[in-house]
Amino acid sequence: MAQAQAATTTIGESEIRLRPPWLVALLEIVSENLYEVWWYARTWMELKRARSDPSMHPVWHTLAMFVPIYGLFRLHAHYRVLNETAASAGATDRTSPGLMVILAIVRGVAGAIAVSIAVSIIMPVMVDMVNAIAANPKAPPLTPTFVMPPSLLLLSLAGIAIGAWQLYRGQEVLNAYYVTRPAAPAPRVLTLEWVFVALFALRFLSDLLQYVRR
């Protein structure tokens, strides 16, 4: 805690970057959870700078978050440090690290169910196609057709929504810490972020249309 309090007097105002929470949530949604890799690494780097803590390693921390079981402890640590850093500056906004872990578990279960559903649909079709080729090698190539149930889409969207809410709350707490600084700038969206929103949105819509067409 002493490290975090000392750091609030050394961080430069030019280094403060407030992102609109809706922006990180939107990027998480349209990127289908890919954006969180960058967000967790970047915010851990910002927390490291704010706390003047050389033991914090953004890259390893972020990679560890995707290790089964152990990643839940790193996720808890991420939001715990967010809370501690905000508290050290007198900010009152907090989030619940325990709730974030529970949501991550729910998200993981939903993802596992979605994968099992997809495999149960894809595998029989692929087996039938291989058997057909083996029975008649000279036949024209077959195009496999998969019919995905609505439950698969709902599970996928649930996982995306959970990830978006986690980042939204995390960014709110980080912003609460930053606004305690004198002359903190207003939240802003960079041009590059708008570009990523557009590109990811096109990809998201393309994936959604492909699912609907099935």
Protein backbone atom coordinates (compact mmCIF):
# COMPACT_ATOMS: atom_id res chain seq x y z
CA MET A 1 0.00 0.00 0.00
CA ALA A 2 2.88 2.35 0.78
CA GLN A 3 4.26 1.80 -2.69
CA ALA A 4 0.93 2.74 -4.27
CA GLN A 5 0.62 5.90 -2.15
CA ALA A 6 4.12 7.02 -3.03
CA ALA A 7 3.49 6.40 -6.71
CA THR A 8 0.54 8.80 -6.87
CA THR A 9 2.98 11.70 -6.38
CA THR A 10 5.38 10.63 -9.13
CA ILE A 11 3.16 9.63 -12.04
CA GLY A 12 3.25 12.23 -14.79
CA GLU A 13 0.02 13.88 -15.89
CA SER A 14 0.97 13.26 -19.52
CA GLU A 15 0.95 9.50 -18.77
CA ILE A 16 -2.67 9.50 -17.60
CA ARG A 17 -5.02 7.87 -20.08
CA LEU A 18 -8.71 7.65 -19.30
CA ARG A 19 -10.56 5.32 -21.64
CA PRO A 20 -14.35 5.53 -21.77
CA PRO A 21 -15.62 2.31 -20.13
CA TRP A 22 -18.15 1.88 -22.94
CA LEU A 23 -15.24 1.84 -25.41
CA VAL A 24 -13.42 -1.08 -23.79
CA ALA A 25 -16.72 -2.97 -23.50
CA LEU A 26 -17.50 -2.33 -27.17
CA LEU A 27 -14.03 -3.44 -28.28
CA GLU A 28 -14.37 -6.59 -26.19
CA ILE A 29 -17.73 -7.38 -27.81
CA VAL A 30 -16.86 -6.75 -31.44
CA SER A 31 -13.46 -8.46 -31.09
CA GLU A 32 -15.21 -11.49 -29.55
CA ASN A 33 -13.06 -11.31 -26.39
CA LEU A 34 -9.73 -10.76 -28.18
CA TYR A 35 -9.38 -7.19 -26.91
CA GLU A 36 -9.08 -8.35 -23.30
CA VAL A 37 -5.57 -9.69 -23.98
CA TRP A 38 -4.40 -6.13 -24.72
CA TRP A 39 -6.52 -4.53 -21.98
CA TYR A 40 -5.23 -6.75 -19.17
CA ALA A 41 -1.62 -6.28 -20.26
CA ARG A 42 -1.95 -2.52 -20.73
CA THR A 43 -3.79 -1.85 -17.47
CA TRP A 44 -1.32 -4.01 -15.52
CA MET A 45 1.45 -1.90 -17.02
CA GLU A 46 -0.36 1.25 -15.90
CA LEU A 47 -0.85 -0.18 -12.41
CA LYS A 48 2.83 -1.10 -12.27
CA ARG A 49 3.74 2.50 -13.08
CA ALA A 50 1.23 3.90 -10.60
CA ARG A 51 2.54 1.69 -7.79
CA SER A 52 6.22 1.92 -8.79
CA ASP A 53 6.38 -1.85 -8.41
CA PRO A 54 9.11 -3.49 -10.55
CA SER A 55 7.87 -6.97 -9.57
CA MET A 56 4.78 -6.54 -11.77
CA HIS A 57 5.32 -8.03 -15.24
CA PRO A 58 2.47 -7.21 -17.67
CA VAL A 59 3.28 -9.83 -20.31
CA TRP A 60 3.72 -12.76 -17.92
CA HIS A 61 0.76 -11.63 -15.85
CA THR A 62 -1.51 -11.58 -18.89
CA LEU A 63 -0.29 -14.92 -20.25
CA ALA A 64 -0.78 -16.49 -16.81
CA MET A 65 -4.41 -15.38 -16.79
CA PHE A 66 -5.14 -17.90 -19.55
CA VAL A 67 -3.63 -20.84 -17.66
CA PRO A 68 -6.39 -23.13 -16.34
CA ILE A 69 -7.10 -22.69 -12.60
CA TYR A 70 -4.00 -20.53 -11.98
CA GLY A 71 -5.44 -17.89 -14.28
CA LEU A 72 -8.33 -17.38 -11.84
CA PHE A 73 -5.84 -16.34 -9.15
CA ARG A 74 -4.21 -13.87 -11.52
CA LEU A 75 -7.63 -12.50 -12.49
CA HIS A 76 -8.43 -12.01 -8.79
CA ALA A 77 -5.07 -10.28 -8.31
CA HIS A 78 -5.74 -7.93 -11.22
CA TYR A 79 -8.97 -6.56 -9.78
CA ARG A 80 -7.61 -6.60 -6.23
CA VAL A 81 -4.68 -4.41 -7.29
CA LEU A 82 -7.08 -2.15 -9.18
CA ASN A 83 -9.06 -1.67 -5.97
CA GLU A 84 -5.95 -1.09 -3.84
CA THR A 85 -4.55 1.47 -6.28
CA ALA A 86 -7.83 3.37 -6.41
CA ALA A 87 -8.14 3.29 -2.60
CA SER A 88 -4.58 4.59 -2.17
CA ALA A 89 -5.57 7.75 -4.07
CA GLY A 90 -8.81 8.25 -2.18
CA ALA A 91 -11.11 7.03 -4.97
CA THR A 92 -14.27 5.32 -3.73
CA ASP A 93 -15.20 3.13 -6.71
CA ARG A 94 -14.50 -0.58 -6.20
CA THR A 95 -15.22 -3.83 -7.94
CA SER A 96 -15.41 -7.35 -6.51
CA PRO A 97 -12.44 -9.59 -7.41
CA GLY A 98 -14.38 -12.60 -6.13
CA LEU A 99 -17.32 -11.84 -8.39
CA MET A 100 -14.95 -11.49 -11.34
CA VAL A 101 -13.58 -14.96 -10.63
CA ILE A 102 -17.09 -16.42 -10.39
CA LEU A 103 -18.04 -14.80 -13.70
CA ALA A 104 -14.86 -16.18 -15.28
CA ILE A 105 -15.84 -19.67 -14.14
CA VAL A 106 -19.36 -19.23 -15.54
CA ARG A 107 -17.84 -18.00 -18.79
CA GLY A 108 -15.50 -20.99 -18.93
CA VAL A 109 -18.35 -23.45 -18.33
CA ALA A 110 -20.43 -21.77 -21.04
CA GLY A 111 -17.49 -22.01 -23.43
CA ALA A 112 -16.93 -25.68 -22.65
CA ILE A 113 -20.62 -26.45 -23.26
CA ALA A 114 -20.51 -24.51 -26.55
CA VAL A 115 -17.46 -26.47 -27.70
CA SER A 116 -19.06 -29.81 -26.79
CA ILE A 117 -22.21 -28.87 -28.74
CA ALA A 118 -20.17 -27.83 -31.77
CA VAL A 119 -18.10 -31.02 -31.67
CA SER A 120 -21.22 -33.19 -31.33
CA ILE A 121 -22.61 -31.58 -34.49
CA ILE A 122 -19.44 -31.37 -36.57
CA MET A 123 -17.92 -34.78 -35.86
CA PRO A 124 -20.78 -36.98 -37.21
CA VAL A 125 -20.89 -34.92 -40.42
CA MET A 126 -17.12 -35.23 -40.88
CA VAL A 127 -17.20 -38.97 -40.19
CA ASP A 128 -19.99 -39.45 -42.76
CA MET A 129 -18.00 -37.43 -45.30
CA VAL A 130 -14.85 -39.51 -44.74
CA ASN A 131 -16.84 -42.74 -45.07
CA ALA A 132 -18.44 -41.49 -48.29
CA ILE A 133 -15.03 -40.64 -49.76
CA ALA A 134 -13.65 -44.03 -48.74
CA ALA A 135 -16.61 -45.81 -50.35
CA ASN A 136 -16.35 -43.86 -53.61
CA PRO A 137 -12.98 -42.07 -54.01
CA LYS A 138 -13.89 -40.85 -57.51
CA ALA A 139 -17.04 -39.05 -56.41
CA PRO A 140 -17.07 -35.22 -56.52
CA PRO A 141 -15.86 -33.58 -53.28
CA LEU A 142 -18.61 -33.11 -50.73
CA THR A 143 -19.31 -29.84 -48.96
CA PRO A 144 -20.16 -30.50 -45.31
CA THR A 145 -23.30 -28.78 -44.01
CA PHE A 146 -23.67 -27.98 -40.34
CA VAL A 147 -26.87 -26.88 -38.60
CA MET A 148 -25.94 -25.00 -35.44
CA PRO A 149 -28.63 -24.68 -32.75
CA PRO A 150 -29.54 -21.25 -31.28
CA SER A 151 -28.15 -22.40 -27.92
CA LEU A 152 -24.65 -22.31 -29.38
CA LEU A 153 -25.03 -18.66 -30.36
CA LEU A 154 -26.53 -17.75 -26.99
CA LEU A 155 -23.66 -19.41 -25.10
CA SER A 156 -21.11 -17.59 -27.25
CA LEU A 157 -22.81 -14.23 -26.77
CA ALA A 158 -23.05 -14.84 -23.02
CA GLY A 159 -19.31 -15.36 -22.81
CA ILE A 160 -18.67 -12.21 -24.82
CA ALA A 161 -21.06 -10.18 -22.64
CA ILE A 162 -19.40 -11.37 -19.42
CA GLY A 163 -15.96 -10.40 -20.70
CA ALA A 164 -17.25 -6.98 -21.76
CA TRP A 165 -18.77 -6.29 -18.33
CA GLN A 166 -15.56 -7.32 -16.56
CA LEU A 167 -13.51 -4.87 -18.60
CA TYR A 168 -16.16 -2.16 -18.21
CA ARG A 169 -16.03 -2.34 -14.42
CA GLY A 170 -12.26 -2.58 -14.37
CA GLN A 171 -11.91 0.52 -16.51
CA GLU A 172 -14.36 2.40 -14.29
CA VAL A 173 -12.19 1.71 -11.23
CA LEU A 174 -9.00 2.64 -13.08
CA ASN A 175 -10.59 5.88 -14.27
CA ALA A 176 -11.70 6.61 -10.70
CA TYR A 177 -8.05 6.39 -9.68
CA TYR A 178 -6.92 8.64 -12.51
CA VAL A 179 -9.47 11.39 -11.91
CA THR A 180 -8.02 11.93 -8.42
CA ARG A 181 -4.95 13.36 -10.14
CA PRO A 182 -4.83 17.14 -10.61
CA ALA A 183 -5.86 18.28 -14.09
CA ALA A 184 -6.69 14.74 -15.21
CA PRO A 185 -7.81 14.80 -18.86
CA ALA A 186 -11.28 13.77 -19.90
CA PRO A 187 -11.80 10.23 -21.24
CA ARG A 188 -11.08 10.13 -24.96
CA VAL A 189 -11.12 7.72 -27.88
CA LEU A 190 -8.02 7.52 -30.06
CA THR A 191 -8.29 7.42 -33.85
CA LEU A 192 -6.63 4.00 -33.89
CA GLU A 193 -9.27 2.71 -31.48
CA TRP A 194 -12.05 3.87 -33.81
CA VAL A 195 -10.28 2.00 -36.62
CA PHE A 196 -10.17 -1.17 -34.51
CA VAL A 197 -13.84 -0.76 -33.60
CA ALA A 198 -14.74 -0.58 -37.30
CA LEU A 199 -12.56 -3.55 -38.28
CA PHE A 200 -13.68 -5.74 -35.41
CA ALA A 201 -17.32 -4.77 -35.98
CA LEU A 202 -17.10 -5.95 -39.60
CA ARG A 203 -15.59 -9.23 -38.43
CA PHE A 204 -18.24 -9.64 -35.74
CA LEU A 205 -21.08 -9.03 -38.19
CA SER A 206 -19.51 -11.41 -40.70
CA ASP A 207 -19.32 -14.17 -38.09
CA LEU A 208 -22.89 -13.49 -37.03
CA LEU A 209 -24.18 -13.62 -40.61
CA GLN A 210 -22.34 -16.88 -41.25
CA TYR A 211 -24.07 -18.39 -38.22
CA VAL A 212 -27.51 -17.15 -39.33
CA ARG A 213 -27.03 -18.55 -42.82
CA ARG A 214 -26.43 -21.99 -41.39
